[in-house]
């Protein structure tokens, strides 16, 4: 598989990899793994749970 990135995407990936002391490939693979995981579904479920369980508190804080 070949992944073609724009110059801006490549530079952003390079900067992130340097900041983290990791390879560009490792950073990209981690990002892809998170994207295809069920993390977004787990996050939505957690947000819904907080919204439901703490509805009264959230309403008071909104005032």
PDB file of N, CA and C in Angstrom:
ATOM      1  N   UNK A   1       0.844  -1.170   0.000  1.00  0.00           N
ATOM      2  CA  UNK A   1       0.000   0.000   0.000  1.00  0.00           C
ATOM      3  C   UNK A   1       0.891   1.236   0.000  1.00  0.00           C
ATOM      4  N   UNK A   2       0.536   2.189  -0.803  1.00  0.00           N
ATOM      5  CA  UNK A   2       1.215   3.481  -0.817  1.00  0.00           C
ATOM      6  C   UNK A   2       0.232   4.541  -0.366  1.00  0.00           C
ATOM      7  N   UNK A   3       0.689   5.407   0.471  1.00  0.00           N
ATOM      8  CA  UNK A   3      -0.147   6.493   0.965  1.00  0.00           C
ATOM      9  C   UNK A   3       0.457   7.796   0.466  1.00  0.00           C
ATOM     10  N   UNK A   4      -0.299   8.526  -0.310  1.00  0.00           N
ATOM     11  CA  UNK A   4       0.197   9.790  -0.843  1.00  0.00           C
ATOM     12  C   UNK A   4      -0.391  10.939  -0.044  1.00  0.00           C
ATOM     13  N   UNK A   5       0.492  11.707   0.568  1.00  0.00           N
ATOM     14  CA  UNK A   5       0.087  12.842   1.374  1.00  0.00           C
ATOM     15  C   UNK A   5       0.458  14.133   0.662  1.00  0.00           C
ATOM     16  N   UNK A   6      -0.268  15.186   0.979  1.00  0.00           N
ATOM     17  CA  UNK A   6       0.117  16.499   0.468  1.00  0.00           C
ATOM     18  C   UNK A   6       1.390  16.936   1.188  1.00  0.00           C
ATOM     19  N   UNK A   7       2.025  17.949   0.667  1.00  0.00           N
ATOM     20  CA  UNK A   7       3.222  18.468   1.331  1.00  0.00           C
ATOM     21  C   UNK A   7       2.896  18.940   2.743  1.00  0.00           C
ATOM     22  N   UNK A   8       1.745  19.581   2.911  1.00  0.00           N
ATOM     23  CA  UNK A   8       1.340  20.059   4.235  1.00  0.00           C
ATOM     24  C   UNK A   8       1.100  18.906   5.198  1.00  0.00           C
ATOM     25  N   UNK A   9       0.444  17.860   4.713  1.00  0.00           N
ATOM     26  CA  UNK A   9       0.196  16.689   5.561  1.00  0.00           C
ATOM     27  C   UNK A   9       1.502  16.013   5.958  1.00  0.00           C
ATOM     28  N   UNK A  10       2.416  15.904   5.009  1.00  0.00           N
ATOM     29  CA  UNK A  10       3.712  15.298   5.292  1.00  0.00           C
ATOM     30  C   UNK A  10       4.472  16.097   6.333  1.00  0.00           C
ATOM     31  N   UNK A  11       4.468  17.404   6.187  1.00  0.00           N
ATOM     32  CA  UNK A  11       5.175  18.256   7.145  1.00  0.00           C
ATOM     33  C   UNK A  11       4.543  18.169   8.535  1.00  0.00           C
ATOM     34  N   UNK A  12       3.212  18.154   8.601  1.00  0.00           N
ATOM     35  CA  UNK A  12       2.530  18.032   9.892  1.00  0.00           C
ATOM     36  C   UNK A  12       2.855  16.688  10.540  1.00  0.00           C
ATOM     37  N   UNK A  13       2.881  15.648   9.761  1.00  0.00           N
ATOM     38  CA  UNK A  13       3.223  14.320  10.268  1.00  0.00           C
ATOM     39  C   UNK A  13       4.674  14.294  10.746  1.00  0.00           C
ATOM     40  N   UNK A  14       5.556  14.905   9.979  1.00  0.00           N
ATOM     41  CA  UNK A  14       6.969  14.961  10.356  1.00  0.00           C
ATOM     42  C   UNK A  14       7.150  15.706  11.680  1.00  0.00           C
ATOM     43  N   UNK A  15       6.480  16.847  11.818  1.00  0.00           N
ATOM     44  CA  UNK A  15       6.581  17.625  13.061  1.00  0.00           C
ATOM     45  C   UNK A  15       6.082  16.822  14.259  1.00  0.00           C
ATOM     46  N   UNK A  16       4.923  16.170  14.090  1.00  0.00           N
ATOM     47  CA  UNK A  16       4.365  15.386  15.201  1.00  0.00           C
ATOM     48  C   UNK A  16       5.302  14.252  15.583  1.00  0.00           C
ATOM     49  N   UNK A  17       5.833  13.569  14.591  1.00  0.00           N
ATOM     50  CA  UNK A  17       6.752  12.461  14.861  1.00  0.00           C
ATOM     51  C   UNK A  17       7.988  12.957  15.606  1.00  0.00           C
ATOM     52  N   UNK A  18       8.518  14.087  15.197  1.00  0.00           N
ATOM     53  CA  UNK A  18       9.689  14.646  15.876  1.00  0.00           C
ATOM     54  C   UNK A  18       9.358  15.032  17.309  1.00  0.00           C
ATOM     55  N   UNK A  19       8.190  15.648  17.521  1.00  0.00           N
ATOM     56  CA  UNK A  19       7.774  16.050  18.865  1.00  0.00           C
ATOM     57  C   UNK A  19       7.669  14.850  19.798  1.00  0.00           C
ATOM     58  N   UNK A  20       7.193  13.743  19.258  1.00  0.00           N
ATOM     59  CA  UNK A  20       6.968  12.545  20.061  1.00  0.00           C
ATOM     60  C   UNK A  20       8.161  11.598  20.076  1.00  0.00           C
ATOM     61  N   UNK A  21       9.194  11.925  19.295  1.00  0.00           N
ATOM     62  CA  UNK A  21      10.354  11.046  19.233  1.00  0.00           C
ATOM     63  C   UNK A  21      10.041   9.706  18.612  1.00  0.00           C
ATOM     64  N   UNK A  22       9.153   9.713  17.643  1.00  0.00           N
ATOM     65  CA  UNK A  22       8.725   8.479  16.986  1.00  0.00           C
ATOM     66  C   UNK A  22       8.916   8.632  15.484  1.00  0.00           C
ATOM     67  N   UNK A  23       8.793   7.533  14.772  1.00  0.00           N
ATOM     68  CA  UNK A  23       8.886   7.590  13.313  1.00  0.00           C
ATOM     69  C   UNK A  23       7.559   8.078  12.735  1.00  0.00           C
ATOM     70  N   UNK A  24       7.638   8.628  11.542  1.00  0.00           N
ATOM     71  CA  UNK A  24       6.413   9.061  10.865  1.00  0.00           C
ATOM     72  C   UNK A  24       5.484   7.870  10.650  1.00  0.00           C
ATOM     73  N   UNK A  25       6.058   6.725  10.308  1.00  0.00           N
ATOM     74  CA  UNK A  25       5.252   5.527  10.080  1.00  0.00           C
ATOM     75  C   UNK A  25       4.519   5.121  11.353  1.00  0.00           C
ATOM     76  N   UNK A  26       5.207   5.164  12.471  1.00  0.00           N
ATOM     77  CA  UNK A  26       4.584   4.777  13.735  1.00  0.00           C
ATOM     78  C   UNK A  26       3.432   5.722  14.086  1.00  0.00           C
ATOM     79  N   UNK A  27       3.646   7.010  13.914  1.00  0.00           N
ATOM     80  CA  UNK A  27       2.584   7.983  14.207  1.00  0.00           C
ATOM     81  C   UNK A  27       1.387   7.749  13.285  1.00  0.00           C
ATOM     82  N   UNK A  28       1.641   7.548  12.007  1.00  0.00           N
ATOM     83  CA  UNK A  28       0.557   7.324  11.042  1.00  0.00           C
ATOM     84  C   UNK A  28      -0.202   6.031  11.361  1.00  0.00           C
ATOM     85  N   UNK A  29       0.517   4.969  11.689  1.00  0.00           N
ATOM     86  CA  UNK A  29      -0.145   3.698  11.995  1.00  0.00           C
ATOM     87  C   UNK A  29      -0.991   3.811  13.255  1.00  0.00           C
ATOM     88  N   UNK A  30      -0.501   4.540  14.253  1.00  0.00           N
ATOM     89  CA  UNK A  30      -1.276   4.753  15.470  1.00  0.00           C
ATOM     90  C   UNK A  30      -2.559   5.518  15.161  1.00  0.00           C
ATOM     91  N   UNK A  31      -2.438   6.563  14.352  1.00  0.00           N
ATOM     92  CA  UNK A  31      -3.613   7.360  13.985  1.00  0.00           C
ATOM     93  C   UNK A  31      -4.636   6.516  13.222  1.00  0.00           C
ATOM     94  N   UNK A  32      -4.173   5.698  12.322  1.00  0.00           N
ATOM     95  CA  UNK A  32      -5.079   4.832  11.566  1.00  0.00           C
ATOM     96  C   UNK A  32      -5.740   3.824  12.497  1.00  0.00           C
ATOM     97  N   UNK A  33      -4.963   3.268  13.404  1.00  0.00           N
ATOM     98  CA  UNK A  33      -5.526   2.311  14.363  1.00  0.00           C
ATOM     99  C   UNK A  33      -6.618   2.934  15.205  1.00  0.00           C
ATOM    100  N   UNK A  34      -6.404   4.155  15.677  1.00  0.00           N
ATOM    101  CA  UNK A  34      -7.432   4.841  16.459  1.00  0.00           C
ATOM    102  C   UNK A  34      -8.664   5.144  15.607  1.00  0.00           C
ATOM    103  N   UNK A  35      -8.442   5.507  14.362  1.00  0.00           N
ATOM    104  CA  UNK A  35      -9.549   5.840  13.462  1.00  0.00           C
ATOM    105  C   UNK A  35     -10.451   4.637  13.206  1.00  0.00           C
ATOM    106  N   UNK A  36      -9.864   3.488  13.036  1.00  0.00           N
ATOM    107  CA  UNK A  36     -10.665   2.303  12.702  1.00  0.00           C
ATOM    108  C   UNK A  36     -11.145   1.535  13.926  1.00  0.00           C
ATOM    109  N   UNK A  37     -10.705   1.949  15.108  1.00  0.00           N
ATOM    110  CA  UNK A  37     -11.141   1.265  16.327  1.00  0.00           C
ATOM    111  C   UNK A  37     -12.556   1.679  16.699  1.00  0.00           C
ATOM    112  N   UNK A  38     -13.053   1.109  17.761  1.00  0.00           N
ATOM    113  CA  UNK A  38     -14.388   1.478  18.225  1.00  0.00           C
ATOM    114  C   UNK A  38     -14.321   2.585  19.269  1.00  0.00           C
ATOM    115  N   UNK A  39     -13.188   3.261  19.367  1.00  0.00           N
ATOM    116  CA  UNK A  39     -13.027   4.330  20.355  1.00  0.00           C
ATOM    117  C   UNK A  39     -14.115   5.396  20.243  1.00  0.00           C
ATOM    118  N   UNK A  40     -14.448   5.867  19.040  1.00  0.00           N
ATOM    119  CA  UNK A  40     -15.517   6.877  18.955  1.00  0.00           C
ATOM    120  C   UNK A  40     -16.840   6.398  19.539  1.00  0.00           C
ATOM    121  N   UNK A  41     -17.164   5.141  19.334  1.00  0.00           N
ATOM    122  CA  UNK A  41     -18.414   4.603  19.881  1.00  0.00           C
ATOM    123  C   UNK A  41     -18.352   4.549  21.406  1.00  0.00           C
ATOM    124  N   UNK A  42     -17.203   4.157  21.955  1.00  0.00           N
ATOM    125  CA  UNK A  42     -17.047   4.122  23.411  1.00  0.00           C
ATOM    126  C   UNK A  42     -17.126   5.528  23.997  1.00  0.00           C
ATOM    127  N   UNK A  43     -16.534   6.492  23.314  1.00  0.00           N
ATOM    128  CA  UNK A  43     -16.567   7.873  23.774  1.00  0.00           C
ATOM    129  C   UNK A  43     -17.994   8.411  23.770  1.00  0.00           C
ATOM    130  N   UNK A  44     -18.733   8.164  22.700  1.00  0.00           N
ATOM    131  CA  UNK A  44     -20.139   8.603  22.634  1.00  0.00           C
ATOM    132  C   UNK A  44     -20.950   7.969  23.752  1.00  0.00           C
ATOM    133  N   UNK A  45     -20.727   6.695  24.014  1.00  0.00           N
ATOM    134  CA  UNK A  45     -21.460   6.011  25.085  1.00  0.00           C
ATOM    135  C   UNK A  45     -21.137   6.632  26.440  1.00  0.00           C
ATOM    136  N   UNK A  46     -19.869   6.956  26.668  1.00  0.00           N
ATOM    137  CA  UNK A  46     -19.481   7.578  27.943  1.00  0.00           C
ATOM    138  C   UNK A  46     -20.112   8.957  28.090  1.00  0.00           C
ATOM    139  N   UNK A  47     -20.118   9.728  27.019  1.00  0.00           N
ATOM    140  CA  UNK A  47     -20.736  11.061  27.057  1.00  0.00           C
ATOM    141  C   UNK A  47     -22.227  10.941  27.333  1.00  0.00           C
ATOM    142  N   UNK A  48     -22.893  10.010  26.671  1.00  0.00           N
ATOM    143  CA  UNK A  48     -24.329   9.802  26.898  1.00  0.00           C
ATOM    144  C   UNK A  48     -24.600   9.382  28.344  1.00  0.00           C
ATOM    145  N   UNK A  49     -23.737   8.537  28.890  1.00  0.00           N
ATOM    146  CA  UNK A  49     -23.901   8.086  30.269  1.00  0.00           C
ATOM    147  C   UNK A  49     -23.773   9.261  31.239  1.00  0.00           C
ATOM    148  N   UNK A  50     -22.774  10.107  31.045  1.00  0.00           N
ATOM    149  CA  UNK A  50     -22.598  11.281  31.908  1.00  0.00           C
ATOM    150  C   UNK A  50     -23.791  12.221  31.754  1.00  0.00           C
ATOM    151  N   UNK A  51     -24.212  12.432  30.518  1.00  0.00           N
ATOM    152  CA  UNK A  51     -25.348  13.319  30.254  1.00  0.00           C
ATOM    153  C   UNK A  51     -26.606  12.823  30.974  1.00  0.00           C
ATOM    154  N   UNK A  52     -26.812  11.529  30.999  1.00  0.00           N
ATOM    155  CA  UNK A  52     -27.986  10.952  31.647  1.00  0.00           C
ATOM    156  C   UNK A  52     -27.841  10.940  33.167  1.00  0.00           C
ATOM    157  N   UNK A  53     -26.736  10.422  33.657  1.00  0.00           N
ATOM    158  CA  UNK A  53     -26.551  10.271  35.097  1.00  0.00           C
ATOM    159  C   UNK A  53     -26.393  11.612  35.818  1.00  0.00           C
ATOM    160  N   UNK A  54     -25.845  12.594  35.143  1.00  0.00           N
ATOM    161  CA  UNK A  54     -25.585  13.890  35.772  1.00  0.00           C
ATOM    162  C   UNK A  54     -26.441  15.010  35.184  1.00  0.00           C
ATOM    163  N   UNK A  55     -27.605  14.660  34.670  1.00  0.00           N
ATOM    164  CA  UNK A  55     -28.466  15.645  34.014  1.00  0.00           C
ATOM    165  C   UNK A  55     -28.815  16.804  34.941  1.00  0.00           C
ATOM    166  N   UNK A  56     -29.153  16.508  36.190  1.00  0.00           N
ATOM    167  CA  UNK A  56     -29.531  17.567  37.132  1.00  0.00           C
ATOM    168  C   UNK A  56     -28.352  18.509  37.386  1.00  0.00           C
ATOM    169  N   UNK A  57     -27.197  17.945  37.623  1.00  0.00           N
ATOM    170  CA  UNK A  57     -26.007  18.761  37.863  1.00  0.00           C
ATOM    171  C   UNK A  57     -25.671  19.617  36.652  1.00  0.00           C
ATOM    172  N   UNK A  58     -25.721  19.030  35.475  1.00  0.00           N
ATOM    173  CA  UNK A  58     -25.426  19.774  34.251  1.00  0.00           C
ATOM    174  C   UNK A  58     -26.423  20.910  34.047  1.00  0.00           C
ATOM    175  N   UNK A  59     -27.697  20.672  34.389  1.00  0.00           N
ATOM    176  CA  UNK A  59     -28.701  21.728  34.266  1.00  0.00           C
ATOM    177  C   UNK A  59     -28.394  22.880  35.218  1.00  0.00           C
ATOM    178  N   UNK A  60     -28.009  22.546  36.463  1.00  0.00           N
ATOM    179  CA  UNK A  60     -27.670  23.603  37.433  1.00  0.00           C
ATOM    180  C   UNK A  60     -26.440  24.381  36.997  1.00  0.00           C
ATOM    181  N   UNK A  61     -25.455  23.691  36.461  1.00  0.00           N
ATOM    182  CA  UNK A  61     -24.245  24.374  35.996  1.00  0.00           C
ATOM    183  C   UNK A  61     -24.525  25.272  34.784  1.00  0.00           C
ATOM    184  N   UNK A  62     -25.510  24.905  33.995  1.00  0.00           N
ATOM    185  CA  UNK A  62     -25.851  25.695  32.814  1.00  0.00           C
ATOM    186  C   UNK A  62     -26.524  27.024  33.169  1.00  0.00           C
ATOM    187  N   UNK A  63     -27.108  27.086  34.377  1.00  0.00           N
ATOM    188  CA  UNK A  63     -27.787  28.324  34.795  1.00  0.00           C
ATOM    189  C   UNK A  63     -26.829  29.373  35.164  1.00  0.00           C
TER     190      UNK A  63
END
